[in-house]
Structure formats: structure tokens, C-alpha cells
């Protein structure tokens, strides 16, 4: 059985590989978390610095960064386009761990957005295409009717066109912090900061 309390300070964890440590923790979260192990808080801000945060789902990750998808005309989408910086937070309660990630955002290619949009269940595609996300809705039935009408039209056409404003963003990490719960608030915190093509790291006081 994996010792979840030994992962931050093991000497064999290379200081140059925070993405490898993320992969280990994420793999264990997929086994341990009962729901949505890929859920993460996404914090954005207006150009004036007013913050906003909400939960989204991680849909891809690798050396290039961490990718999620959204309606670019939503509140978070407009904030992202106005200020292409963001922060992510993973909190896995079952493992008593969290990871904070900060860095700039870059919009995914239209080919990537198309591929992910059409990989979703048909009704989810319809629901996204029919939604004016974050904007006022006079009555829920208005949205339900729109979904039903679009679903009927798209079933006849054979596909749901991806709306041009439905896209994705990749956060390129510049700072990653791993947090591990320990008794009596003597938690472990380890921070990695991008340094050229590599990383420098340090332990932090809890």
C-alpha cells in the first residue's frame, strides 16, 4: 500500500520534476476520490484585479500545461481574455492533499477545441451550444426549450456544430505548490518555481 504521508520529502523525488510528482498524486486521486478527481478551482481576475473563482474539470495535462474548456463569452471567459493569467487548485479530501498551480493561459487551437467538443456526449454538446453561459435567464423553461429545439435540429443534421466561442485554455505552470496534511497542523508544503528550462524548489512553513 502506498504511504501517502511520505511523498513530499522522499529523497528520490527529483527537485526538477514537479510535473512527475503531480502525475503521481493525480493517479492516486483517480483511485481514491469518489467523484470528479479532475475537479479543480479556477481563479481568474478582471484587468482591475477583482478576483473570481469556480470549479472546472481538468481535461488534459502534460509538459505544456493544464487544459480546461469553457464558453469564452461566459464571465470566466471574458476575464481570461482580458487578463491571461490564472491559478488552479486541486483539493483531494480523501488523500488530505492539495496542489496550487499558477501561470499564464493560452487558448487551444480550433482543432483541439473541435476534437474535445465532439468527444463529449451528444446531449452535453447540445447543452453547451444552447447556453448563453453566465448571462441572465428569464426562466429555466426558456433554456430547456432551446435545448430541445437544438437537439432535434442537430439529430436531423447528424452533428452539433461547435460554437466559435466554445474553446479551451492551457495554463503553463510557473509556480506549483504541493501541500500534505499532517497532525497538529505541522503540514508539509513544497513549492516549485520555474527557472529557465527547469525548476527550483523549497519547503515552506505551513
N, C-alpha and C. Protein backbone atom coordinates (compact mmCIF):
# COMPACT_ATOMS: atom_id res chain seq x y z
N UNK A 1 0.84 -1.19 0.00
CA UNK A 1 0.00 0.00 0.00
C UNK A 1 0.88 1.24 0.00
N UNK A 2 0.49 2.26 -0.77
CA UNK A 2 1.26 3.49 -0.84
C UNK A 2 1.20 4.25 0.47
N UNK A 3 2.34 4.75 0.92
CA UNK A 3 2.39 5.59 2.11
C UNK A 3 2.16 7.02 1.67
N UNK A 4 0.93 7.52 1.84
CA UNK A 4 0.59 8.85 1.36
C UNK A 4 1.26 9.95 2.17
N UNK A 5 1.84 9.62 3.32
CA UNK A 5 2.44 10.64 4.17
C UNK A 5 3.94 10.79 3.96
N UNK A 6 4.49 10.14 2.93
CA UNK A 6 5.94 10.18 2.76
C UNK A 6 6.37 10.81 1.44
N UNK A 7 5.44 11.40 0.70
CA UNK A 7 5.75 11.75 -0.68
C UNK A 7 6.43 13.10 -0.87
N UNK A 8 6.30 14.03 0.07
CA UNK A 8 6.88 15.35 -0.17
C UNK A 8 8.36 15.42 0.13
N UNK A 9 8.85 14.60 1.03
CA UNK A 9 10.24 14.74 1.47
C UNK A 9 11.10 13.54 1.13
N UNK A 10 10.60 12.62 0.34
CA UNK A 10 11.42 11.48 -0.08
C UNK A 10 12.61 11.97 -0.90
N UNK A 11 13.78 11.47 -0.60
CA UNK A 11 14.98 11.94 -1.29
C UNK A 11 14.97 11.55 -2.77
N UNK A 12 14.21 10.49 -3.14
CA UNK A 12 14.23 10.08 -4.53
C UNK A 12 13.33 10.92 -5.42
N UNK A 13 12.56 11.85 -4.86
CA UNK A 13 11.75 12.74 -5.69
C UNK A 13 12.66 13.82 -6.24
N UNK A 14 12.92 13.87 -7.54
CA UNK A 14 13.84 14.87 -8.07
C UNK A 14 13.25 16.27 -7.98
N UNK A 15 14.08 17.23 -7.55
CA UNK A 15 13.60 18.59 -7.41
C UNK A 15 13.26 19.22 -8.76
N UNK A 16 13.71 18.61 -9.84
CA UNK A 16 13.48 19.17 -11.18
C UNK A 16 12.19 18.65 -11.81
N UNK A 17 11.37 17.88 -11.07
CA UNK A 17 10.26 17.20 -11.72
C UNK A 17 8.94 17.37 -10.96
N UNK A 18 8.41 18.60 -10.80
CA UNK A 18 7.11 18.75 -10.15
C UNK A 18 5.97 18.16 -10.97
N UNK A 19 6.12 18.13 -12.30
CA UNK A 19 5.06 17.55 -13.12
C UNK A 19 4.99 16.04 -12.92
N UNK A 20 6.13 15.41 -12.66
CA UNK A 20 6.11 13.99 -12.33
C UNK A 20 5.43 13.73 -11.00
N UNK A 21 5.68 14.59 -10.02
CA UNK A 21 5.02 14.45 -8.73
C UNK A 21 3.52 14.69 -8.87
N UNK A 22 3.13 15.69 -9.69
CA UNK A 22 1.70 15.89 -9.96
C UNK A 22 1.09 14.63 -10.54
N UNK A 23 1.76 14.01 -11.50
CA UNK A 23 1.22 12.81 -12.14
C UNK A 23 1.01 11.69 -11.12
N UNK A 24 1.94 11.53 -10.19
CA UNK A 24 1.79 10.50 -9.16
C UNK A 24 0.58 10.78 -8.28
N UNK A 25 0.46 12.01 -7.83
CA UNK A 25 -0.66 12.36 -6.96
C UNK A 25 -1.99 12.26 -7.70
N UNK A 26 -2.01 12.71 -8.95
CA UNK A 26 -3.25 12.67 -9.73
C UNK A 26 -3.68 11.23 -9.97
N UNK A 27 -2.73 10.35 -10.26
CA UNK A 27 -3.07 8.93 -10.46
C UNK A 27 -3.67 8.34 -9.19
N UNK A 28 -3.11 8.69 -8.03
CA UNK A 28 -3.64 8.18 -6.78
C UNK A 28 -5.01 8.78 -6.47
N UNK A 29 -5.21 10.05 -6.85
CA UNK A 29 -6.52 10.67 -6.65
C UNK A 29 -7.59 10.00 -7.49
N UNK A 30 -7.23 9.59 -8.71
CA UNK A 30 -8.22 8.90 -9.55
C UNK A 30 -8.66 7.59 -8.92
N UNK A 31 -7.80 6.98 -8.11
CA UNK A 31 -8.17 5.74 -7.43
C UNK A 31 -8.93 6.00 -6.13
N UNK A 32 -8.66 7.13 -5.47
CA UNK A 32 -9.18 7.36 -4.12
C UNK A 32 -10.41 8.25 -4.06
N UNK A 33 -10.50 9.25 -4.93
CA UNK A 33 -11.60 10.21 -4.84
C UNK A 33 -12.88 9.59 -5.38
N UNK A 34 -13.99 9.70 -4.63
CA UNK A 34 -15.24 9.08 -5.09
C UNK A 34 -15.87 9.77 -6.28
N UNK A 35 -15.64 11.08 -6.44
CA UNK A 35 -16.25 11.83 -7.54
C UNK A 35 -15.30 12.88 -8.08
N UNK A 36 -15.20 12.96 -9.40
CA UNK A 36 -14.51 14.06 -10.08
C UNK A 36 -13.12 14.34 -9.52
N UNK A 37 -12.25 13.37 -9.61
CA UNK A 37 -10.87 13.58 -9.17
C UNK A 37 -10.16 14.64 -9.99
N UNK A 38 -10.71 14.98 -11.17
CA UNK A 38 -10.11 16.00 -12.03
C UNK A 38 -10.72 17.38 -11.80
N UNK A 39 -11.56 17.53 -10.76
CA UNK A 39 -12.15 18.84 -10.46
C UNK A 39 -11.09 19.76 -9.88
N UNK A 40 -11.11 21.01 -10.30
CA UNK A 40 -10.14 21.98 -9.80
C UNK A 40 -10.80 23.35 -9.74
N UNK A 41 -10.41 24.13 -8.74
CA UNK A 41 -10.86 25.52 -8.67
C UNK A 41 -10.02 26.34 -9.64
N UNK A 42 -10.68 27.16 -10.42
CA UNK A 42 -10.02 28.05 -11.38
C UNK A 42 -10.25 29.49 -10.94
N UNK A 43 -9.18 30.19 -10.61
CA UNK A 43 -9.28 31.59 -10.20
C UNK A 43 -8.80 32.49 -11.34
N UNK A 44 -9.63 33.47 -11.68
CA UNK A 44 -9.28 34.47 -12.69
C UNK A 44 -9.49 35.85 -12.06
N UNK A 45 -9.15 36.88 -12.81
CA UNK A 45 -9.35 38.24 -12.30
C UNK A 45 -9.61 39.18 -13.46
N UNK A 46 -10.30 40.26 -13.14
CA UNK A 46 -10.52 41.32 -14.12
C UNK A 46 -9.23 42.11 -14.32
N UNK A 47 -9.16 42.95 -15.33
CA UNK A 47 -7.97 43.80 -15.50
C UNK A 47 -7.70 44.68 -14.28
N UNK A 48 -8.77 44.98 -13.50
CA UNK A 48 -8.61 45.81 -12.31
C UNK A 48 -8.18 44.99 -11.09
N UNK A 49 -8.11 43.66 -11.26
CA UNK A 49 -7.65 42.81 -10.18
C UNK A 49 -8.74 42.23 -9.31
N UNK A 50 -10.01 42.40 -9.67
CA UNK A 50 -11.10 41.80 -8.89
C UNK A 50 -11.13 40.30 -9.16
N UNK A 51 -11.01 39.46 -8.13
CA UNK A 51 -10.91 38.02 -8.34
C UNK A 51 -12.26 37.33 -8.49
N UNK A 52 -12.22 36.16 -9.09
CA UNK A 52 -13.40 35.32 -9.25
C UNK A 52 -12.92 33.87 -9.31
N UNK A 53 -13.68 32.95 -8.72
CA UNK A 53 -13.24 31.55 -8.68
C UNK A 53 -14.45 30.65 -8.86
N UNK A 54 -14.22 29.50 -9.50
CA UNK A 54 -15.26 28.50 -9.74
C UNK A 54 -14.60 27.15 -10.01
N UNK A 55 -15.38 26.08 -9.94
CA UNK A 55 -14.86 24.74 -10.21
C UNK A 55 -15.00 24.42 -11.69
N UNK A 56 -13.95 23.84 -12.26
CA UNK A 56 -13.96 23.33 -13.63
C UNK A 56 -13.30 21.95 -13.61
N UNK A 57 -13.27 21.31 -14.76
CA UNK A 57 -12.67 19.98 -14.85
C UNK A 57 -11.40 20.02 -15.71
N UNK A 58 -10.34 19.42 -15.20
CA UNK A 58 -9.12 19.25 -15.98
C UNK A 58 -9.38 18.25 -17.10
N UNK A 59 -9.08 18.64 -18.33
CA UNK A 59 -9.34 17.77 -19.46
C UNK A 59 -8.09 17.36 -20.22
N UNK A 60 -6.94 17.80 -19.77
CA UNK A 60 -5.69 17.39 -20.39
C UNK A 60 -4.54 18.00 -19.60
N UNK A 61 -3.43 17.28 -19.55
CA UNK A 61 -2.25 17.84 -18.89
C UNK A 61 -1.01 17.14 -19.42
N UNK A 62 0.10 17.85 -19.34
CA UNK A 62 1.37 17.33 -19.81
C UNK A 62 2.42 18.41 -19.66
N UNK A 63 3.58 18.25 -20.32
CA UNK A 63 4.65 19.24 -20.19
C UNK A 63 4.22 20.65 -20.59
N UNK A 64 3.24 20.76 -21.50
CA UNK A 64 2.82 22.09 -21.95
C UNK A 64 1.91 22.78 -20.94
N UNK A 65 1.26 22.01 -20.04
CA UNK A 65 0.42 22.63 -19.03
C UNK A 65 -0.86 21.87 -18.77
N UNK A 66 -1.86 22.61 -18.25
CA UNK A 66 -3.10 22.04 -17.75
C UNK A 66 -4.26 22.66 -18.52
N UNK A 67 -5.09 21.83 -19.16
CA UNK A 67 -6.09 22.30 -20.11
C UNK A 67 -7.50 22.09 -19.60
N UNK A 68 -8.34 23.11 -19.79
CA UNK A 68 -9.78 23.03 -19.49
C UNK A 68 -10.52 23.72 -20.63
N UNK A 69 -11.83 23.49 -20.69
CA UNK A 69 -12.65 24.04 -21.77
C UNK A 69 -13.81 24.84 -21.20
N UNK A 70 -14.26 25.85 -21.96
CA UNK A 70 -15.31 26.72 -21.46
C UNK A 70 -15.91 27.53 -22.59
N UNK A 71 -16.99 28.20 -22.28
CA UNK A 71 -17.60 29.20 -23.16
C UNK A 71 -16.83 30.50 -22.98
N UNK A 72 -16.17 30.98 -24.02
CA UNK A 72 -15.34 32.17 -23.91
C UNK A 72 -16.16 33.44 -23.73
N UNK A 73 -17.49 33.35 -23.89
CA UNK A 73 -18.35 34.51 -23.64
C UNK A 73 -18.94 34.49 -22.24
N UNK A 74 -18.57 33.47 -21.44
CA UNK A 74 -19.00 33.42 -20.05
C UNK A 74 -18.21 34.44 -19.23
N UNK A 75 -18.56 34.56 -17.95
CA UNK A 75 -17.84 35.50 -17.09
C UNK A 75 -16.36 35.14 -17.01
N UNK A 76 -16.08 33.83 -16.82
CA UNK A 76 -14.67 33.46 -16.73
C UNK A 76 -13.97 33.63 -18.06
N UNK A 77 -14.68 33.37 -19.15
CA UNK A 77 -14.08 33.53 -20.47
C UNK A 77 -13.70 34.96 -20.76
N UNK A 78 -14.59 35.90 -20.43
CA UNK A 78 -14.27 37.30 -20.67
C UNK A 78 -13.14 37.77 -19.76
N UNK A 79 -13.10 37.27 -18.52
CA UNK A 79 -12.00 37.62 -17.63
C UNK A 79 -10.67 37.07 -18.16
N UNK A 80 -10.72 35.85 -18.66
CA UNK A 80 -9.49 35.25 -19.20
C UNK A 80 -8.97 36.06 -20.39
N UNK A 81 -9.84 36.42 -21.30
CA UNK A 81 -9.39 37.17 -22.47
C UNK A 81 -8.87 38.56 -22.09
N UNK A 82 -9.37 39.10 -20.99
CA UNK A 82 -8.91 40.41 -20.54
C UNK A 82 -7.63 40.33 -19.72
N UNK A 83 -7.37 39.17 -19.12
CA UNK A 83 -6.22 39.01 -18.23
C UNK A 83 -5.80 37.55 -18.30
N UNK A 84 -4.84 37.26 -19.16
CA UNK A 84 -4.48 35.87 -19.47
C UNK A 84 -3.54 35.26 -18.42
N UNK A 85 -3.95 35.40 -17.15
CA UNK A 85 -3.25 34.78 -16.04
C UNK A 85 -4.30 34.09 -15.18
N UNK A 86 -3.94 32.97 -14.57
CA UNK A 86 -4.91 32.27 -13.73
C UNK A 86 -4.19 31.41 -12.70
N UNK A 87 -4.98 30.88 -11.78
CA UNK A 87 -4.47 29.95 -10.77
C UNK A 87 -5.44 28.78 -10.67
N UNK A 88 -4.89 27.60 -10.40
CA UNK A 88 -5.67 26.38 -10.23
C UNK A 88 -5.44 25.84 -8.83
N UNK A 89 -6.44 25.15 -8.31
CA UNK A 89 -6.30 24.47 -7.02
C UNK A 89 -6.99 23.11 -7.10
N UNK A 90 -6.21 22.06 -6.88
CA UNK A 90 -6.76 20.72 -6.69
C UNK A 90 -6.80 20.44 -5.19
N UNK A 91 -7.93 19.96 -4.69
CA UNK A 91 -8.04 19.56 -3.29
C UNK A 91 -8.66 18.17 -3.24
N UNK A 92 -7.87 17.20 -2.78
CA UNK A 92 -8.34 15.82 -2.71
C UNK A 92 -8.52 15.46 -1.23
N UNK A 93 -9.75 15.59 -0.77
CA UNK A 93 -10.05 15.43 0.65
C UNK A 93 -9.74 14.02 1.14
N UNK A 94 -10.00 13.02 0.30
CA UNK A 94 -9.76 11.63 0.71
C UNK A 94 -8.28 11.36 0.96
N UNK A 95 -7.41 12.11 0.28
CA UNK A 95 -5.96 11.95 0.44
C UNK A 95 -5.34 13.02 1.33
N UNK A 96 -6.16 14.02 1.70
CA UNK A 96 -5.69 15.13 2.53
C UNK A 96 -4.49 15.83 1.87
N UNK A 97 -4.69 16.16 0.60
CA UNK A 97 -3.66 16.81 -0.20
C UNK A 97 -4.26 17.94 -1.01
N UNK A 98 -3.43 18.88 -1.37
CA UNK A 98 -3.83 19.87 -2.37
C UNK A 98 -2.62 20.31 -3.18
N UNK A 99 -2.91 20.81 -4.38
CA UNK A 99 -1.87 21.34 -5.28
C UNK A 99 -2.36 22.68 -5.81
N UNK A 100 -1.52 23.70 -5.70
CA UNK A 100 -1.79 25.02 -6.26
C UNK A 100 -0.87 25.24 -7.46
N UNK A 101 -1.44 25.78 -8.54
CA UNK A 101 -0.68 25.99 -9.78
C UNK A 101 -1.01 27.38 -10.32
N UNK A 102 0.01 28.13 -10.70
CA UNK A 102 -0.19 29.48 -11.22
C UNK A 102 0.61 29.66 -12.51
N UNK A 103 0.05 30.47 -13.43
CA UNK A 103 0.77 30.75 -14.65
C UNK A 103 -0.09 31.40 -15.71
N UNK A 104 0.49 31.72 -16.86
CA UNK A 104 -0.24 32.34 -17.95
C UNK A 104 -1.08 31.32 -18.72
N UNK A 105 -2.10 31.82 -19.40
CA UNK A 105 -3.01 30.99 -20.18
C UNK A 105 -2.78 31.22 -21.67
N UNK A 106 -3.03 30.16 -22.44
CA UNK A 106 -3.01 30.27 -23.90
C UNK A 106 -4.21 29.50 -24.45
N UNK A 107 -4.91 30.09 -25.39
CA UNK A 107 -6.08 29.42 -25.97
C UNK A 107 -5.64 28.25 -26.83
N UNK A 108 -6.40 27.15 -26.77
CA UNK A 108 -6.08 25.97 -27.57
C UNK A 108 -6.43 26.24 -29.03
N UNK A 109 -5.91 25.43 -29.90
CA UNK A 109 -6.23 25.55 -31.32
C UNK A 109 -7.68 25.17 -31.57
N UNK A 110 -8.22 25.64 -32.69
CA UNK A 110 -9.59 25.28 -33.05
C UNK A 110 -9.71 23.78 -33.28
N UNK A 111 -8.63 23.14 -33.74
CA UNK A 111 -8.66 21.69 -33.94
C UNK A 111 -8.79 20.95 -32.61
N UNK A 112 -8.06 21.43 -31.59
CA UNK A 112 -8.19 20.81 -30.26
C UNK A 112 -9.58 21.03 -29.69
N UNK A 113 -10.11 22.25 -29.84
CA UNK A 113 -11.45 22.54 -29.33
C UNK A 113 -12.49 21.68 -30.03
N UNK A 114 -12.37 21.54 -31.35
CA UNK A 114 -13.30 20.68 -32.10
C UNK A 114 -13.24 19.24 -31.60
N UNK A 115 -12.02 18.74 -31.44
CA UNK A 115 -11.84 17.33 -31.05
C UNK A 115 -12.44 17.07 -29.68
N UNK A 116 -12.20 17.95 -28.73
CA UNK A 116 -12.76 17.70 -27.40
C UNK A 116 -14.28 17.90 -27.40
N UNK A 117 -14.76 18.97 -28.05
CA UNK A 117 -16.21 19.22 -28.07
C UNK A 117 -16.96 18.00 -28.61
N UNK A 118 -16.48 17.42 -29.69
CA UNK A 118 -17.19 16.30 -30.31
C UNK A 118 -16.91 14.97 -29.63
N UNK A 119 -16.00 14.96 -28.65
CA UNK A 119 -15.80 13.75 -27.86
C UNK A 119 -16.80 13.65 -26.71
N UNK A 120 -17.51 14.72 -26.43
CA UNK A 120 -18.46 14.75 -25.33
C UNK A 120 -19.75 14.04 -25.74
N UNK A 121 -20.56 13.60 -24.76
CA UNK A 121 -21.87 13.02 -25.10
C UNK A 121 -22.70 14.02 -25.92
N UNK A 122 -23.51 13.49 -26.82
CA UNK A 122 -24.29 14.33 -27.74
C UNK A 122 -25.11 15.37 -26.98
N UNK A 123 -25.80 14.95 -25.94
CA UNK A 123 -26.66 15.89 -25.21
C UNK A 123 -25.84 16.95 -24.49
N UNK A 124 -24.63 16.61 -24.05
CA UNK A 124 -23.76 17.61 -23.44
C UNK A 124 -23.32 18.65 -24.47
N UNK A 125 -23.06 18.19 -25.70
CA UNK A 125 -22.72 19.14 -26.76
C UNK A 125 -23.88 20.10 -26.99
N UNK A 126 -25.08 19.56 -27.04
CA UNK A 126 -26.27 20.39 -27.26
C UNK A 126 -26.44 21.39 -26.12
N UNK A 127 -26.30 20.90 -24.88
CA UNK A 127 -26.46 21.78 -23.73
C UNK A 127 -25.49 22.93 -23.74
N UNK A 128 -24.24 22.67 -24.13
CA UNK A 128 -23.25 23.73 -24.21
C UNK A 128 -23.57 24.71 -25.33
N UNK A 129 -23.94 24.18 -26.49
CA UNK A 129 -24.21 25.04 -27.64
C UNK A 129 -25.44 25.92 -27.42
N UNK A 130 -26.39 25.43 -26.63
CA UNK A 130 -27.63 26.17 -26.40
C UNK A 130 -27.52 27.20 -25.29
N UNK A 131 -26.44 27.18 -24.54
CA UNK A 131 -26.33 28.02 -23.35
C UNK A 131 -25.63 29.34 -23.63
N UNK A 132 -26.26 30.43 -23.18
CA UNK A 132 -25.59 31.73 -23.13
C UNK A 132 -24.99 31.86 -21.73
N UNK A 133 -23.95 31.08 -21.49
CA UNK A 133 -23.42 30.88 -20.14
C UNK A 133 -23.13 32.19 -19.42
N UNK A 134 -23.58 32.25 -18.17
CA UNK A 134 -23.35 33.38 -17.25
C UNK A 134 -24.26 34.57 -17.51
N UNK A 135 -25.05 34.56 -18.57
CA UNK A 135 -25.91 35.70 -18.85
C UNK A 135 -27.31 35.48 -18.27
N UNK A 136 -28.06 36.54 -18.02
CA UNK A 136 -29.37 36.41 -17.37
C UNK A 136 -30.32 35.49 -18.14
N UNK A 137 -31.09 34.70 -17.40
CA UNK A 137 -32.08 33.77 -17.96
C UNK A 137 -33.42 34.09 -17.33
N UNK A 138 -34.43 34.39 -18.15
CA UNK A 138 -35.72 34.81 -17.61
C UNK A 138 -36.46 33.68 -16.91
N UNK A 139 -36.30 32.45 -17.44
CA UNK A 139 -36.99 31.29 -16.86
C UNK A 139 -36.26 30.04 -17.33
N UNK A 140 -36.16 29.05 -16.46
CA UNK A 140 -35.45 27.82 -16.83
C UNK A 140 -36.05 27.18 -18.08
N UNK A 141 -37.38 27.28 -18.24
CA UNK A 141 -38.03 26.63 -19.37
C UNK A 141 -37.54 27.21 -20.70
N UNK A 142 -37.14 28.48 -20.69
CA UNK A 142 -36.59 29.08 -21.90
C UNK A 142 -35.37 28.30 -22.38
N UNK A 143 -34.49 27.96 -21.43
CA UNK A 143 -33.29 27.19 -21.77
C UNK A 143 -33.66 25.77 -22.18
N UNK A 144 -34.57 25.14 -21.43
CA UNK A 144 -34.99 23.77 -21.75
C UNK A 144 -35.56 23.72 -23.17
N UNK A 145 -36.38 24.70 -23.52
CA UNK A 145 -36.97 24.73 -24.87
C UNK A 145 -35.89 24.88 -25.93
N UNK A 146 -34.92 25.74 -25.64
CA UNK A 146 -33.83 25.94 -26.60
C UNK A 146 -33.03 24.66 -26.79
N UNK A 147 -32.77 23.95 -25.69
CA UNK A 147 -32.04 22.68 -25.77
C UNK A 147 -32.82 21.67 -26.62
N UNK A 148 -34.11 21.55 -26.37
CA UNK A 148 -34.93 20.58 -27.11
C UNK A 148 -34.98 20.91 -28.59
N UNK A 149 -35.11 22.19 -28.92
CA UNK A 149 -35.15 22.58 -30.34
C UNK A 149 -33.82 22.32 -31.03
N UNK A 150 -32.72 22.66 -30.35
CA UNK A 150 -31.41 22.45 -30.96
C UNK A 150 -31.09 20.96 -31.06
N UNK A 151 -31.50 20.18 -30.07
CA UNK A 151 -31.25 18.74 -30.12
C UNK A 151 -31.95 18.12 -31.32
N UNK A 152 -33.22 18.51 -31.55
CA UNK A 152 -33.97 17.96 -32.68
C UNK A 152 -33.30 18.34 -34.00
N UNK A 153 -32.87 19.59 -34.12
CA UNK A 153 -32.24 20.04 -35.36
C UNK A 153 -30.91 19.34 -35.59
N UNK A 154 -30.14 19.14 -34.52
CA UNK A 154 -28.81 18.53 -34.67
C UNK A 154 -28.91 17.04 -34.93
N UNK A 155 -29.91 16.38 -34.36
CA UNK A 155 -30.08 14.95 -34.65
C UNK A 155 -30.42 14.77 -36.12
N UNK A 156 -31.21 15.66 -36.65
CA UNK A 156 -31.54 15.57 -38.08
C UNK A 156 -30.31 15.85 -38.94
N UNK A 157 -29.48 16.82 -38.50
CA UNK A 157 -28.28 17.16 -39.28
C UNK A 157 -27.15 16.15 -39.07
N UNK A 158 -27.19 15.43 -37.95
CA UNK A 158 -26.18 14.40 -37.70
C UNK A 158 -25.02 14.84 -36.83
N UNK A 159 -24.95 16.12 -36.46
CA UNK A 159 -23.89 16.58 -35.59
C UNK A 159 -24.26 17.91 -34.95
N UNK A 160 -23.53 18.25 -33.88
CA UNK A 160 -23.71 19.54 -33.22
C UNK A 160 -22.52 20.42 -33.60
N UNK A 161 -22.73 21.51 -34.31
CA UNK A 161 -21.60 22.39 -34.64
C UNK A 161 -21.04 23.01 -33.36
N UNK A 162 -19.72 23.02 -33.25
CA UNK A 162 -19.12 23.69 -32.09
C UNK A 162 -19.27 25.19 -32.25
N UNK A 163 -19.87 25.86 -31.25
CA UNK A 163 -19.96 27.32 -31.33
C UNK A 163 -18.54 27.93 -31.35
N UNK A 164 -18.30 28.97 -32.12
CA UNK A 164 -16.95 29.53 -32.22
C UNK A 164 -16.43 30.06 -30.89
N UNK A 165 -17.34 30.40 -29.97
CA UNK A 165 -16.91 30.92 -28.67
C UNK A 165 -16.68 29.80 -27.65
N UNK A 166 -16.93 28.54 -28.02
CA UNK A 166 -16.68 27.43 -27.10
C UNK A 166 -15.27 26.93 -27.38
N UNK A 167 -14.39 27.07 -26.39
CA UNK A 167 -12.98 26.83 -26.65
C UNK A 167 -12.31 26.29 -25.38
N UNK A 168 -11.01 26.25 -25.41
CA UNK A 168 -10.26 25.76 -24.26
C UNK A 168 -9.04 26.62 -24.02
N UNK A 169 -8.46 26.47 -22.84
CA UNK A 169 -7.26 27.20 -22.46
C UNK A 169 -6.30 26.27 -21.75
N UNK A 170 -5.03 26.50 -21.95
CA UNK A 170 -3.98 25.74 -21.27
C UNK A 170 -3.19 26.68 -20.38
N UNK A 171 -3.08 26.33 -19.11
CA UNK A 171 -2.27 27.10 -18.17
C UNK A 171 -0.87 26.52 -18.16
N UNK A 172 0.12 27.34 -18.50
CA UNK A 172 1.53 26.93 -18.48
C UNK A 172 2.08 27.22 -17.08
N UNK A 173 2.40 26.21 -16.29
CA UNK A 173 2.74 26.44 -14.88
C UNK A 173 4.07 27.17 -14.70
N UNK A 174 4.04 28.19 -13.88
CA UNK A 174 5.25 28.89 -13.47
C UNK A 174 5.53 28.69 -11.98
N UNK A 175 4.49 28.31 -11.24
CA UNK A 175 4.63 28.05 -9.81
C UNK A 175 3.69 26.88 -9.46
N UNK A 176 4.22 25.88 -8.77
CA UNK A 176 3.42 24.73 -8.33
C UNK A 176 3.74 24.48 -6.86
N UNK A 177 2.70 24.38 -6.05
CA UNK A 177 2.91 24.10 -4.63
C UNK A 177 2.12 22.86 -4.23
N UNK A 178 2.82 21.93 -3.58
CA UNK A 178 2.21 20.70 -3.07
C UNK A 178 2.03 20.85 -1.56
N UNK A 179 0.85 20.47 -1.09
CA UNK A 179 0.51 20.56 0.35
C UNK A 179 0.02 19.19 0.82
N UNK A 180 0.56 18.77 1.95
CA UNK A 180 0.21 17.47 2.52
C UNK A 180 -0.16 17.65 3.98
N UNK A 181 -1.36 17.22 4.34
CA UNK A 181 -1.83 17.34 5.72
C UNK A 181 -1.01 16.47 6.66
N UNK A 182 -0.69 17.02 7.83
CA UNK A 182 -0.07 16.25 8.90
C UNK A 182 -0.71 16.64 10.22
N UNK A 183 -0.61 15.79 11.24
CA UNK A 183 -1.26 16.10 12.51
C UNK A 183 -0.75 17.40 13.12
N UNK A 184 -1.62 18.01 13.93
CA UNK A 184 -1.28 19.20 14.72
C UNK A 184 -0.86 20.38 13.86
N UNK A 185 -1.37 20.41 12.64
CA UNK A 185 -1.09 21.49 11.69
C UNK A 185 0.38 21.59 11.29
N UNK A 186 1.12 20.51 11.46
CA UNK A 186 2.53 20.50 11.04
C UNK A 186 2.61 20.00 9.60
N UNK A 187 1.88 20.67 8.73
CA UNK A 187 1.74 20.23 7.35
C UNK A 187 3.06 20.36 6.59
N UNK A 188 3.16 19.59 5.49
CA UNK A 188 4.27 19.71 4.55
C UNK A 188 3.82 20.59 3.39
N UNK A 189 4.67 21.55 3.02
CA UNK A 189 4.44 22.36 1.83
C UNK A 189 5.74 22.42 1.04
N UNK A 190 5.65 22.14 -0.26
CA UNK A 190 6.82 22.18 -1.12
C UNK A 190 6.47 22.97 -2.37
N UNK A 191 7.28 24.01 -2.65
CA UNK A 191 7.00 24.92 -3.75
C UNK A 191 8.05 24.78 -4.84
N UNK A 192 7.57 24.74 -6.08
CA UNK A 192 8.44 24.71 -7.26
C UNK A 192 8.20 25.99 -8.06
N UNK A 193 9.25 26.67 -8.48
CA UNK A 193 9.15 27.87 -9.29
C UNK A 193 9.95 27.67 -10.56
N UNK A 194 9.34 28.01 -11.68
CA UNK A 194 10.00 27.85 -12.97
C UNK A 194 11.28 28.68 -13.00
N UNK A 195 12.35 28.05 -13.47
CA UNK A 195 13.65 28.71 -13.53
C UNK A 195 14.28 28.35 -14.87
N UNK A 196 14.06 29.20 -15.87
CA UNK A 196 14.54 28.89 -17.21
C UNK A 196 13.83 27.66 -17.76
N UNK A 197 14.60 26.66 -18.15
CA UNK A 197 14.01 25.42 -18.65
C UNK A 197 13.75 24.41 -17.53
N UNK A 198 14.11 24.75 -16.32
CA UNK A 198 13.94 23.82 -15.20
C UNK A 198 13.14 24.42 -14.07
N UNK A 199 13.38 23.91 -12.88
CA UNK A 199 12.63 24.32 -11.69
C UNK A 199 13.59 24.46 -10.52
N UNK A 200 13.28 25.37 -9.60
CA UNK A 200 13.93 25.38 -8.30
C UNK A 200 12.85 25.17 -7.25
N UNK A 201 13.20 24.53 -6.16
CA UNK A 201 12.17 24.20 -5.19
C UNK A 201 12.64 24.46 -3.76
N UNK A 202 11.69 24.58 -2.88
CA UNK A 202 11.97 24.77 -1.47
C UNK A 202 10.79 24.29 -0.65
N UNK A 203 11.06 23.89 0.59
CA UNK A 203 9.99 23.63 1.53
C UNK A 203 9.51 24.97 2.10
N UNK A 204 8.24 25.05 2.48
CA UNK A 204 7.66 26.25 3.06
C UNK A 204 7.13 25.94 4.45
N UNK A 205 7.17 26.93 5.32
CA UNK A 205 6.48 26.78 6.59
C UNK A 205 4.99 26.61 6.34
N UNK A 206 4.30 25.77 7.13
CA UNK A 206 2.87 25.61 6.93
C UNK A 206 2.10 26.83 7.46
